Amino acid sequence: MEVEQVEQQVEGLLSGQGSEVTGCDVGMEQSKPATLRKNVTYIVCAVIFNEKVRAHMTKVRGHRSEVRGGSLKTPSAADQESLQASWWDRQSVLPLRGRDILRLIDSGLKYRRDPWHPITLPVDLSCRHVVQRLVLVYTGPEQQIWVLLIKAPVLHLPAAAAVKTHTVTWAANMVVQDAMPVAYLDHDVNTLGAFSLQHGSHQQEKTDGVCFNTLVALVPDHVKRNEDGEKVEWVWTGQPPPVENPRYVWHQVQKPSLREKLLEKTKNTSILPIHSMY
C-alpha cells in the first residue's frame, strides 16, 4: 500500500503538482530555517523578447539598493531616476556587469523556438528550509527503472536540505553519499531538472524556504579505478548499486504508465532545467 502511495506521489510530481514537506532526511544539521533578508535571497528574473526576437535589457546602477515604490513611466515621462532599458539584438556590443545572464537569454531563446517543458509555476505550499526532494532513479538495460526511497517512518522520497557551501543540486550528492558511500565513487549523480517548485510565505510562522521537486539520475561511471587510481575491469550487472545504509531501499517501478513517463523524462529531459551559476 505504501508503495502505491509513493508511485501516486511521483505521478503527481511528474504532472507539476506539489506535495507537503513533512521532514528533511539529509543535511538538516547543516541548515537553518530560511529567513528573507537574513540568510536567504531569491532573485526572480524574466527573459522578454519582442517580435524581432530582441532581448529586453535594463540598465541599473552598480550599487546595493532596494525598490520601495514608484510607477511605470512612458518614455516621454522619463527622468534621471528612471531605469534605462532597450532591446538588444544579441549582436551589438553591450557592456554587461556579468556574463551569467547570457546563459539565461540563450535558454529563453531556445524555449521560445521549441518549448521542451510545460509551463511551470510555483506551487503554493510552504517550507521552512531550502530543500530538494529527489525522484532519484536508476535505469536498467531492459527498460527497468528503480526509485530510491527512505523506509521510515513510512516509505517516502528522500528530501535533503541545501547547505551554504554548495549549490542546491549538491543535495542529491549528499543523499547518494548517505545511502551508498562506496558505490557513490563509481557513479555520476545527474540532476536532470525540476518538476516543480514549492513556496508559500503567507502563513504567520516563518516559511521563507522553497522545495525543488527534482529528477535525478544515478549513472554508472564506466571508468572504474582502484584505491591506487589504476583502471580496473568494469562489469555492469544492470542492477542498481546495493544500498549500504539500512535507511534506504530501491523500489522497482511496477506501474507501466509511470515507468514509461520516467524513462521518457530521463531520455528527453523534458522538464525545467536547473543551472548552477557557480
C-alpha atoms as a PDB file:
ATOM      1  CA  MET A   1       0.000   0.000   0.000  1.00  0.00           C
ATOM      2  CA  GLU A   2       2.866   2.385   0.868  1.00  0.00           C
ATOM      3  CA  VAL A   3       4.499   1.631  -2.482  1.00  0.00           C
ATOM      4  CA  GLU A   4       1.285   2.544  -4.310  1.00  0.00           C
ATOM      5  CA  GLN A   5       1.118   5.846  -2.435  1.00  0.00           C
ATOM      6  CA  VAL A   6       4.715   6.659  -3.357  1.00  0.00           C
ATOM      7  CA  GLU A   7       4.047   5.908  -7.024  1.00  0.00           C
ATOM      8  CA  GLN A   8       0.956   8.141  -6.885  1.00  0.00           C
ATOM      9  CA  GLN A   9       3.092  10.906  -5.362  1.00  0.00           C
ATOM     10  CA  VAL A  10       5.675  10.546  -8.141  1.00  0.00           C
ATOM     11  CA  GLU A  11       2.910  10.740 -10.754  1.00  0.00           C
ATOM     12  CA  GLY A  12       1.673  13.940  -9.138  1.00  0.00           C
ATOM     13  CA  LEU A  13       5.157  15.467  -9.194  1.00  0.00           C
ATOM     14  CA  LEU A  14       5.557  14.470 -12.847  1.00  0.00           C
ATOM     15  CA  SER A  15       2.431  16.470 -13.667  1.00  0.00           C
ATOM     16  CA  GLY A  16       3.789  19.585 -11.930  1.00  0.00           C
ATOM     17  CA  GLN A  17       1.926  19.198  -8.653  1.00  0.00           C
ATOM     18  CA  GLY A  18       3.485  19.577  -5.229  1.00  0.00           C
ATOM     19  CA  SER A  19       3.499  17.590  -2.026  1.00  0.00           C
ATOM     20  CA  GLU A  20       3.786  18.798   1.551  1.00  0.00           C
ATOM     21  CA  VAL A  21       7.301  18.717   3.008  1.00  0.00           C
ATOM     22  CA  THR A  22       6.904  16.887   6.310  1.00  0.00           C
ATOM     23  CA  GLY A  23      10.590  16.493   7.128  1.00  0.00           C
ATOM     24  CA  CYS A  24      14.149  16.565   5.871  1.00  0.00           C
ATOM     25  CA  ASP A  25      16.189  13.367   5.733  1.00  0.00           C
ATOM     26  CA  VAL A  26      19.706  14.614   4.969  1.00  0.00           C
ATOM     27  CA  GLY A  27      21.627  17.799   5.746  1.00  0.00           C
ATOM     28  CA  MET A  28      19.251  19.239   8.332  1.00  0.00           C
ATOM     29  CA  GLU A  29      22.061  19.678  10.860  1.00  0.00           C
ATOM     30  CA  GLN A  30      23.869  21.944   8.360  1.00  0.00           C
ATOM     31  CA  SER A  31      20.783  24.002   7.532  1.00  0.00           C
ATOM     32  CA  LYS A  32      18.814  26.749   9.236  1.00  0.00           C
ATOM     33  CA  PRO A  33      15.227  27.812   8.532  1.00  0.00           C
ATOM     34  CA  ALA A  34      15.223  30.180   5.575  1.00  0.00           C
ATOM     35  CA  THR A  35      14.542  33.796   6.509  1.00  0.00           C
ATOM     36  CA  LEU A  36      14.435  36.502   3.869  1.00  0.00           C
ATOM     37  CA  ARG A  37      16.874  39.404   4.378  1.00  0.00           C
ATOM     38  CA  LYS A  38      18.853  37.292   6.848  1.00  0.00           C
ATOM     39  CA  ASN A  39      20.175  34.057   5.383  1.00  0.00           C
ATOM     40  CA  VAL A  40      18.479  33.650   2.011  1.00  0.00           C
ATOM     41  CA  THR A  41      17.930  35.789  -1.078  1.00  0.00           C
ATOM     42  CA  TYR A  42      15.867  34.907  -4.140  1.00  0.00           C
ATOM     43  CA  ILE A  43      16.361  36.662  -7.461  1.00  0.00           C
ATOM     44  CA  VAL A  44      13.464  36.304  -9.887  1.00  0.00           C
ATOM     45  CA  CYS A  45      14.005  37.447 -13.451  1.00  0.00           C
ATOM     46  CA  ALA A  46      12.228  37.291 -16.791  1.00  0.00           C
ATOM     47  CA  VAL A  47      13.645  36.959 -20.297  1.00  0.00           C
ATOM     48  CA  ILE A  48      11.484  39.106 -22.603  1.00  0.00           C
ATOM     49  CA  PHE A  49      11.693  39.100 -26.404  1.00  0.00           C
ATOM     50  CA  ASN A  50       9.930  41.368 -28.894  1.00  0.00           C
ATOM     51  CA  GLU A  51       8.620  40.423 -32.339  1.00  0.00           C
ATOM     52  CA  LYS A  52      12.144  40.820 -33.757  1.00  0.00           C
ATOM     53  CA  VAL A  53      13.478  38.332 -31.193  1.00  0.00           C
ATOM     54  CA  ARG A  54      15.457  41.026 -29.437  1.00  0.00           C
ATOM     55  CA  ALA A  55      16.020  40.691 -25.718  1.00  0.00           C
ATOM     56  CA  HIS A  56      14.859  43.367 -23.306  1.00  0.00           C
ATOM     57  CA  MET A  57      17.818  44.674 -21.290  1.00  0.00           C
ATOM     58  CA  THR A  58      17.620  47.027 -18.324  1.00  0.00           C
ATOM     59  CA  LYS A  59      20.444  49.214 -17.074  1.00  0.00           C
ATOM     60  CA  VAL A  60      20.641  49.657 -13.318  1.00  0.00           C
ATOM     61  CA  ARG A  61      23.086  51.378 -11.026  1.00  0.00           C
ATOM     62  CA  GLY A  62      26.025  49.327  -9.803  1.00  0.00           C
ATOM     63  CA  HIS A  63      25.311  49.540  -6.071  1.00  0.00           C
ATOM     64  CA  ARG A  64      23.058  47.981  -3.496  1.00  0.00           C
ATOM     65  CA  SER A  65      19.581  49.406  -3.465  1.00  0.00           C
ATOM     66  CA  GLU A  66      16.013  48.442  -2.738  1.00  0.00           C
ATOM     67  CA  VAL A  67      12.962  49.444  -4.730  1.00  0.00           C
ATOM     68  CA  ARG A  68      10.322  50.635  -2.277  1.00  0.00           C
ATOM     69  CA  GLY A  69       7.866  52.294  -4.644  1.00  0.00           C
ATOM     70  CA  GLY A  70       7.419  54.181  -7.881  1.00  0.00           C
ATOM     71  CA  SER A  71       5.409  53.732 -11.036  1.00  0.00           C
ATOM     72  CA  LEU A  72       5.841  52.663 -14.633  1.00  0.00           C
ATOM     73  CA  LYS A  73       6.638  55.622 -16.880  1.00  0.00           C
ATOM     74  CA  THR A  74       6.214  56.215 -20.582  1.00  0.00           C
ATOM     75  CA  PRO A  75       9.342  57.343 -22.497  1.00  0.00           C
ATOM     76  CA  SER A  76       8.030  60.912 -22.561  1.00  0.00           C
ATOM     77  CA  ALA A  77       7.786  60.956 -18.757  1.00  0.00           C
ATOM     78  CA  ALA A  78      11.265  59.532 -18.135  1.00  0.00           C
ATOM     79  CA  ASP A  79      13.625  61.350 -15.785  1.00  0.00           C
ATOM     80  CA  GLN A  80      17.044  60.776 -14.226  1.00  0.00           C
ATOM     81  CA  GLU A  81      15.558  58.358 -11.683  1.00  0.00           C
ATOM     82  CA  SER A  82      14.065  56.141 -14.394  1.00  0.00           C
ATOM     83  CA  LEU A  83      15.607  52.789 -15.249  1.00  0.00           C
ATOM     84  CA  GLN A  84      17.212  52.770 -18.679  1.00  0.00           C
ATOM     85  CA  ALA A  85      16.127  49.948 -20.976  1.00  0.00           C
ATOM     86  CA  SER A  86      16.493  48.903 -24.603  1.00  0.00           C
ATOM     87  CA  TRP A  87      16.045  45.971 -26.961  1.00  0.00           C
ATOM     88  CA  TRP A  88      19.268  44.058 -27.682  1.00  0.00           C
ATOM     89  CA  ASP A  89      19.782  42.118 -30.901  1.00  0.00           C
ATOM     90  CA  ARG A  90      22.444  39.894 -29.238  1.00  0.00           C
ATOM     91  CA  GLN A  91      24.950  41.040 -31.876  1.00  0.00           C
ATOM     92  CA  SER A  92      25.690  44.649 -30.962  1.00  0.00           C
ATOM     93  CA  VAL A  93      28.397  45.380 -28.396  1.00  0.00           C
ATOM     94  CA  LEU A  94      26.789  45.757 -24.996  1.00  0.00           C
ATOM     95  CA  PRO A  95      28.580  46.366 -21.667  1.00  0.00           C
ATOM     96  CA  LEU A  96      27.497  43.744 -19.148  1.00  0.00           C
ATOM     97  CA  ARG A  97      28.119  43.677 -15.425  1.00  0.00           C
ATOM     98  CA  GLY A  98      28.308  39.889 -15.599  1.00  0.00           C
ATOM     99  CA  ARG A  99      28.074  37.228 -18.292  1.00  0.00           C
ATOM    100  CA  ASP A 100      25.867  34.848 -16.315  1.00  0.00           C
ATOM    101  CA  ILE A 101      22.767  36.441 -17.874  1.00  0.00           C
ATOM    102  CA  LEU A 102      23.817  35.198 -21.327  1.00  0.00           C
ATOM    103  CA  ARG A 103      23.000  31.601 -20.433  1.00  0.00           C
ATOM    104  CA  LEU A 104      19.516  32.639 -19.326  1.00  0.00           C
ATOM    105  CA  ILE A 105      18.936  34.588 -22.544  1.00  0.00           C
ATOM    106  CA  ASP A 106      20.104  31.604 -24.576  1.00  0.00           C
ATOM    107  CA  SER A 107      17.789  29.251 -22.655  1.00  0.00           C
ATOM    108  CA  GLY A 108      14.884  31.656 -23.165  1.00  0.00           C
ATOM    109  CA  LEU A 109      15.600  31.853 -26.883  1.00  0.00           C
ATOM    110  CA  LYS A 110      15.738  28.063 -27.231  1.00  0.00           C
ATOM    111  CA  TYR A 111      12.487  27.690 -25.309  1.00  0.00           C
ATOM    112  CA  ARG A 112      10.808  30.332 -27.483  1.00  0.00           C
ATOM    113  CA  ARG A 113      11.759  28.405 -30.607  1.00  0.00           C
ATOM    114  CA  ASP A 114      10.846  24.974 -29.300  1.00  0.00           C
ATOM    115  CA  PRO A 115       9.283  24.647 -25.820  1.00  0.00           C
ATOM    116  CA  TRP A 116      10.583  21.402 -24.340  1.00  0.00           C
ATOM    117  CA  HIS A 117       8.912  21.547 -20.936  1.00  0.00           C
ATOM    118  CA  PRO A 118       5.421  22.581 -19.810  1.00  0.00           C
ATOM    119  CA  ILE A 119       4.625  25.958 -18.275  1.00  0.00           C
ATOM    120  CA  THR A 120       5.756  25.658 -14.670  1.00  0.00           C
ATOM    121  CA  LEU A 121       4.557  27.965 -11.893  1.00  0.00           C
ATOM    122  CA  PRO A 122       5.347  27.776  -8.156  1.00  0.00           C
ATOM    123  CA  VAL A 123       3.086  25.520  -6.116  1.00  0.00           C
ATOM    124  CA  ASP A 124       1.621  27.288  -3.085  1.00  0.00           C
ATOM    125  CA  LEU A 125       2.979  25.026  -0.346  1.00  0.00           C
ATOM    126  CA  SER A 126       5.131  26.323   2.484  1.00  0.00           C
ATOM    127  CA  CYS A 127       8.551  25.056   3.501  1.00  0.00           C
ATOM    128  CA  ARG A 128      10.838  26.174   6.333  1.00  0.00           C
ATOM    129  CA  HIS A 129      14.142  25.292   4.660  1.00  0.00           C
ATOM    130  CA  VAL A 130      15.586  25.306   1.148  1.00  0.00           C
ATOM    131  CA  VAL A 131      15.050  21.660   0.281  1.00  0.00           C
ATOM    132  CA  GLN A 132      15.469  19.355  -2.681  1.00  0.00           C
ATOM    133  CA  ARG A 133      13.076  16.394  -2.838  1.00  0.00           C
ATOM    134  CA  LEU A 134      14.518  13.736  -5.103  1.00  0.00           C
ATOM    135  CA  VAL A 135      12.963  11.358  -7.558  1.00  0.00           C
ATOM    136  CA  LEU A 136      16.309   9.591  -7.806  1.00  0.00           C
ATOM    137  CA  VAL A 137      16.204   6.900 -10.471  1.00  0.00           C
ATOM    138  CA  TYR A 138      18.409   4.154 -11.830  1.00  0.00           C
ATOM    139  CA  THR A 139      17.708   2.724 -15.281  1.00  0.00           C
ATOM    140  CA  GLY A 140      18.399  -0.881 -16.266  1.00  0.00           C
ATOM    141  CA  PRO A 141      19.305  -2.314 -19.691  1.00  0.00           C
ATOM    142  CA  GLU A 142      15.805  -3.693 -20.320  1.00  0.00           C
ATOM    143  CA  GLN A 143      13.846  -0.505 -19.597  1.00  0.00           C
ATOM    144  CA  GLN A 144      13.564  -1.243 -15.889  1.00  0.00           C
ATOM    145  CA  ILE A 145      13.645   1.752 -13.597  1.00  0.00           C
ATOM    146  CA  TRP A 146      14.188   1.943  -9.863  1.00  0.00           C
ATOM    147  CA  VAL A 147      13.478   4.805  -7.455  1.00  0.00           C
ATOM    148  CA  LEU A 148      15.455   5.330  -4.245  1.00  0.00           C
ATOM    149  CA  LEU A 149      13.236   5.568  -1.151  1.00  0.00           C
ATOM    150  CA  ILE A 150      13.647   6.003   2.593  1.00  0.00           C
ATOM    151  CA  LYS A 151      11.912   3.417   4.754  1.00  0.00           C
ATOM    152  CA  ALA A 152      10.868   5.284   7.895  1.00  0.00           C
ATOM    153  CA  PRO A 153       8.589   6.477   9.273  1.00  0.00           C
ATOM    154  CA  VAL A 154       6.835   5.376   6.075  1.00  0.00           C
ATOM    155  CA  LEU A 155       8.204   4.815   2.584  1.00  0.00           C
ATOM    156  CA  HIS A 156       8.898   8.210   1.039  1.00  0.00           C
ATOM    157  CA  LEU A 157      11.071  10.099  -1.421  1.00  0.00           C
ATOM    158  CA  PRO A 158      14.266  11.445   0.165  1.00  0.00           C
ATOM    159  CA  ALA A 159      14.482  15.163   0.923  1.00  0.00           C
ATOM    160  CA  ALA A 160      17.779  16.943   1.521  1.00  0.00           C
ATOM    161  CA  ALA A 161      18.489  20.451   2.769  1.00  0.00           C
ATOM    162  CA  ALA A 162      20.670  22.844   0.802  1.00  0.00           C
ATOM    163  CA  VAL A 163      23.918  23.853   2.509  1.00  0.00           C
ATOM    164  CA  LYS A 164      25.663  27.194   2.143  1.00  0.00           C
ATOM    165  CA  THR A 165      28.956  25.748   0.931  1.00  0.00           C
ATOM    166  CA  HIS A 166      27.467  24.078  -2.160  1.00  0.00           C
ATOM    167  CA  THR A 167      24.874  24.599  -4.861  1.00  0.00           C
ATOM    168  CA  VAL A 168      21.285  23.489  -4.308  1.00  0.00           C
ATOM    169  CA  THR A 169      21.811  20.456  -6.549  1.00  0.00           C
ATOM    170  CA  TRP A 170      24.555  19.170  -4.222  1.00  0.00           C
ATOM    171  CA  ALA A 171      21.722  17.835  -2.070  1.00  0.00           C
ATOM    172  CA  ALA A 172      21.404  14.891  -4.459  1.00  0.00           C
ATOM    173  CA  ASN A 173      25.075  14.031  -3.938  1.00  0.00           C
ATOM    174  CA  MET A 174      24.571  14.121  -0.167  1.00  0.00           C
ATOM    175  CA  VAL A 175      21.713  11.627  -0.426  1.00  0.00           C
ATOM    176  CA  VAL A 176      23.721   9.191  -2.562  1.00  0.00           C
ATOM    177  CA  GLN A 177      26.734   9.524  -0.238  1.00  0.00           C
ATOM    178  CA  ASP A 178      24.468   8.774   2.711  1.00  0.00           C
ATOM    179  CA  ALA A 179      22.779   5.805   1.032  1.00  0.00           C
ATOM    180  CA  MET A 180      25.776   4.163  -0.661  1.00  0.00           C
ATOM    181  CA  PRO A 181      29.117   5.824   0.195  1.00  0.00           C
ATOM    182  CA  VAL A 182      31.236   3.233  -1.610  1.00  0.00           C
ATOM    183  CA  ALA A 183      29.106   2.991  -4.769  1.00  0.00           C
ATOM    184  CA  TYR A 184      28.964   6.806  -4.894  1.00  0.00           C
ATOM    185  CA  LEU A 185      32.599   6.838  -6.019  1.00  0.00           C
ATOM    186  CA  ASP A 186      31.726   4.801  -9.121  1.00  0.00           C
ATOM    187  CA  HIS A 187      28.619   6.703 -10.208  1.00  0.00           C
ATOM    188  CA  ASP A 188      27.655  10.107 -11.551  1.00  0.00           C
ATOM    189  CA  VAL A 189      24.795  11.970  -9.878  1.00  0.00           C
ATOM    190  CA  ASN A 190      22.986  13.979 -12.565  1.00  0.00           C
ATOM    191  CA  THR A 191      20.238  16.426 -11.595  1.00  0.00           C
ATOM    192  CA  LEU A 192      18.198  16.493 -14.815  1.00  0.00           C
ATOM    193  CA  GLY A 193      15.770  19.233 -13.829  1.00  0.00           C
ATOM    194  CA  ALA A 194      12.808  20.255 -11.693  1.00  0.00           C
ATOM    195  CA  PHE A 195       9.223  19.039 -11.973  1.00  0.00           C
ATOM    196  CA  SER A 196       8.008  21.880  -9.778  1.00  0.00           C
ATOM    197  CA  LEU A 197       8.968  24.393  -7.106  1.00  0.00           C
ATOM    198  CA  GLN A 198       7.049  24.845  -3.862  1.00  0.00           C
ATOM    199  CA  HIS A 199       6.904  28.092  -1.914  1.00  0.00           C
ATOM    200  CA  GLY A 200       4.317  29.769   0.270  1.00  0.00           C
ATOM    201  CA  SER A 201       5.043  32.564   2.721  1.00  0.00           C
ATOM    202  CA  HIS A 202       1.523  33.627   3.657  1.00  0.00           C
ATOM    203  CA  GLN A 203       1.475  31.666   6.908  1.00  0.00           C
ATOM    204  CA  GLN A 204       2.228  33.510  10.141  1.00  0.00           C
ATOM    205  CA  GLU A 205       5.214  31.339  11.022  1.00  0.00           C
ATOM    206  CA  LYS A 206       8.483  31.771   9.148  1.00  0.00           C
ATOM    207  CA  THR A 207       8.144  29.803   5.917  1.00  0.00           C
ATOM    208  CA  ASP A 208      10.534  31.526   3.536  1.00  0.00           C
ATOM    209  CA  GLY A 209      12.018  28.283   2.246  1.00  0.00           C
ATOM    210  CA  VAL A 210      11.448  26.544  -1.071  1.00  0.00           C
ATOM    211  CA  CYS A 211      11.305  22.924  -2.147  1.00  0.00           C
ATOM    212  CA  PHE A 212      12.621  21.826  -5.530  1.00  0.00           C
ATOM    213  CA  ASN A 213      10.996  18.593  -6.718  1.00  0.00           C
ATOM    214  CA  THR A 214      13.724  17.230  -8.952  1.00  0.00           C
ATOM    215  CA  LEU A 215      14.523  14.306 -11.199  1.00  0.00           C
ATOM    216  CA  VAL A 216      17.972  12.856 -10.551  1.00  0.00           C
ATOM    217  CA  ALA A 217      19.640  10.026 -12.458  1.00  0.00           C
ATOM    218  CA  LEU A 218      22.304   7.809 -10.932  1.00  0.00           C
ATOM    219  CA  VAL A 219      24.552   6.706 -13.797  1.00  0.00           C
ATOM    220  CA  PRO A 220      27.468   4.230 -13.630  1.00  0.00           C
ATOM    221  CA  ASP A 221      30.903   5.654 -14.333  1.00  0.00           C
ATOM    222  CA  HIS A 222      32.272   3.255 -16.936  1.00  0.00           C
ATOM    223  CA  VAL A 223      35.856   4.085 -15.966  1.00  0.00           C
ATOM    224  CA  LYS A 224      36.386   2.326 -12.653  1.00  0.00           C
ATOM    225  CA  ARG A 225      39.578   2.711 -10.641  1.00  0.00           C
ATOM    226  CA  ASN A 226      41.044   1.031  -7.577  1.00  0.00           C
ATOM    227  CA  GLU A 227      42.433   2.736  -4.475  1.00  0.00           C
ATOM    228  CA  ASP A 228      45.687   3.480  -6.323  1.00  0.00           C
ATOM    229  CA  GLY A 229      43.866   5.229  -9.152  1.00  0.00           C
ATOM    230  CA  GLU A 230      44.534   2.425 -11.624  1.00  0.00           C
ATOM    231  CA  LYS A 231      41.849   1.369 -14.098  1.00  0.00           C
ATOM    232  CA  VAL A 232      40.185  -1.941 -13.319  1.00  0.00           C
ATOM    233  CA  GLU A 233      37.784  -4.123 -15.247  1.00  0.00           C
ATOM    234  CA  TRP A 234      34.213  -2.889 -15.026  1.00  0.00           C
ATOM    235  CA  VAL A 235      31.237  -5.239 -15.256  1.00  0.00           C
ATOM    236  CA  TRP A 236      27.735  -3.794 -15.370  1.00  0.00           C
ATOM    237  CA  THR A 237      25.162  -6.043 -13.728  1.00  0.00           C
ATOM    238  CA  GLY A 238      22.195  -3.985 -14.916  1.00  0.00           C
ATOM    239  CA  GLN A 239      21.016  -3.675 -11.311  1.00  0.00           C
ATOM    240  CA  PRO A 240      21.204  -0.551  -9.154  1.00  0.00           C
ATOM    241  CA  PRO A 241      24.130  -0.436  -6.723  1.00  0.00           C
ATOM    242  CA  PRO A 242      23.230  -2.034  -3.384  1.00  0.00           C
ATOM    243  CA  VAL A 243      22.305   0.389  -0.628  1.00  0.00           C
ATOM    244  CA  GLU A 244      24.799   0.430   2.233  1.00  0.00           C
ATOM    245  CA  ASN A 245      22.616   2.327   4.671  1.00  0.00           C
ATOM    246  CA  PRO A 246      19.612   0.382   6.047  1.00  0.00           C
ATOM    247  CA  ARG A 247      17.513   3.579   5.970  1.00  0.00           C
ATOM    248  CA  TYR A 248      17.215   3.274   2.188  1.00  0.00           C
ATOM    249  CA  VAL A 249      15.713   0.839  -0.289  1.00  0.00           C
ATOM    250  CA  TRP A 250      15.430   0.637  -4.081  1.00  0.00           C
ATOM    251  CA  HIS A 251      11.895   0.254  -5.413  1.00  0.00           C
ATOM    252  CA  GLN A 252      11.431  -1.070  -8.940  1.00  0.00           C
ATOM    253  CA  VAL A 253       8.579   0.848 -10.559  1.00  0.00           C
ATOM    254  CA  GLN A 254       5.796  -1.565 -11.466  1.00  0.00           C
ATOM    255  CA  LYS A 255       3.115   0.655 -12.963  1.00  0.00           C
ATOM    256  CA  PRO A 256       3.712   0.615 -16.756  1.00  0.00           C
ATOM    257  CA  SER A 257       2.482   4.168 -17.388  1.00  0.00           C
ATOM    258  CA  LEU A 258       4.690   5.623 -14.634  1.00  0.00           C
ATOM    259  CA  ARG A 259       7.697   3.631 -15.813  1.00  0.00           C
ATOM    260  CA  GLU A 260       7.259   4.924 -19.364  1.00  0.00           C
ATOM    261  CA  LYS A 261       6.926   8.534 -18.180  1.00  0.00           C
ATOM    262  CA  LEU A 262      10.059   8.330 -16.052  1.00  0.00           C
ATOM    263  CA  LEU A 263      12.047   6.698 -18.842  1.00  0.00           C
ATOM    264  CA  GLU A 264      10.915   9.408 -21.250  1.00  0.00           C
ATOM    265  CA  LYS A 265      11.897  12.175 -18.814  1.00  0.00           C
ATOM    266  CA  THR A 266      15.361  10.708 -18.291  1.00  0.00           C
ATOM    267  CA  LYS A 267      15.974  10.421 -22.032  1.00  0.00           C
ATOM    268  CA  ASN A 268      14.447  13.660 -23.309  1.00  0.00           C
ATOM    269  CA  THR A 269      14.922  15.812 -20.185  1.00  0.00           C
ATOM    270  CA  SER A 270      11.574  17.484 -20.937  1.00  0.00           C
ATOM    271  CA  ILE A 271      11.463  19.253 -17.580  1.00  0.00           C
ATOM    272  CA  LEU A 272      12.579  22.617 -16.269  1.00  0.00           C
ATOM    273  CA  PRO A 273      16.408  22.675 -16.296  1.00  0.00           C
ATOM    274  CA  ILE A 274      18.457  23.697 -13.280  1.00  0.00           C
ATOM    275  CA  HIS A 275      21.668  25.611 -13.990  1.00  0.00           C
ATOM    276  CA  SER A 276      24.337  26.414 -11.461  1.00  0.00           C
ATOM    277  CA  MET A 277      25.885  29.881 -11.711  1.00  0.00           C
ATOM    278  CA  TYR A 278      28.945  28.775  -9.738  1.00  0.00           C
END
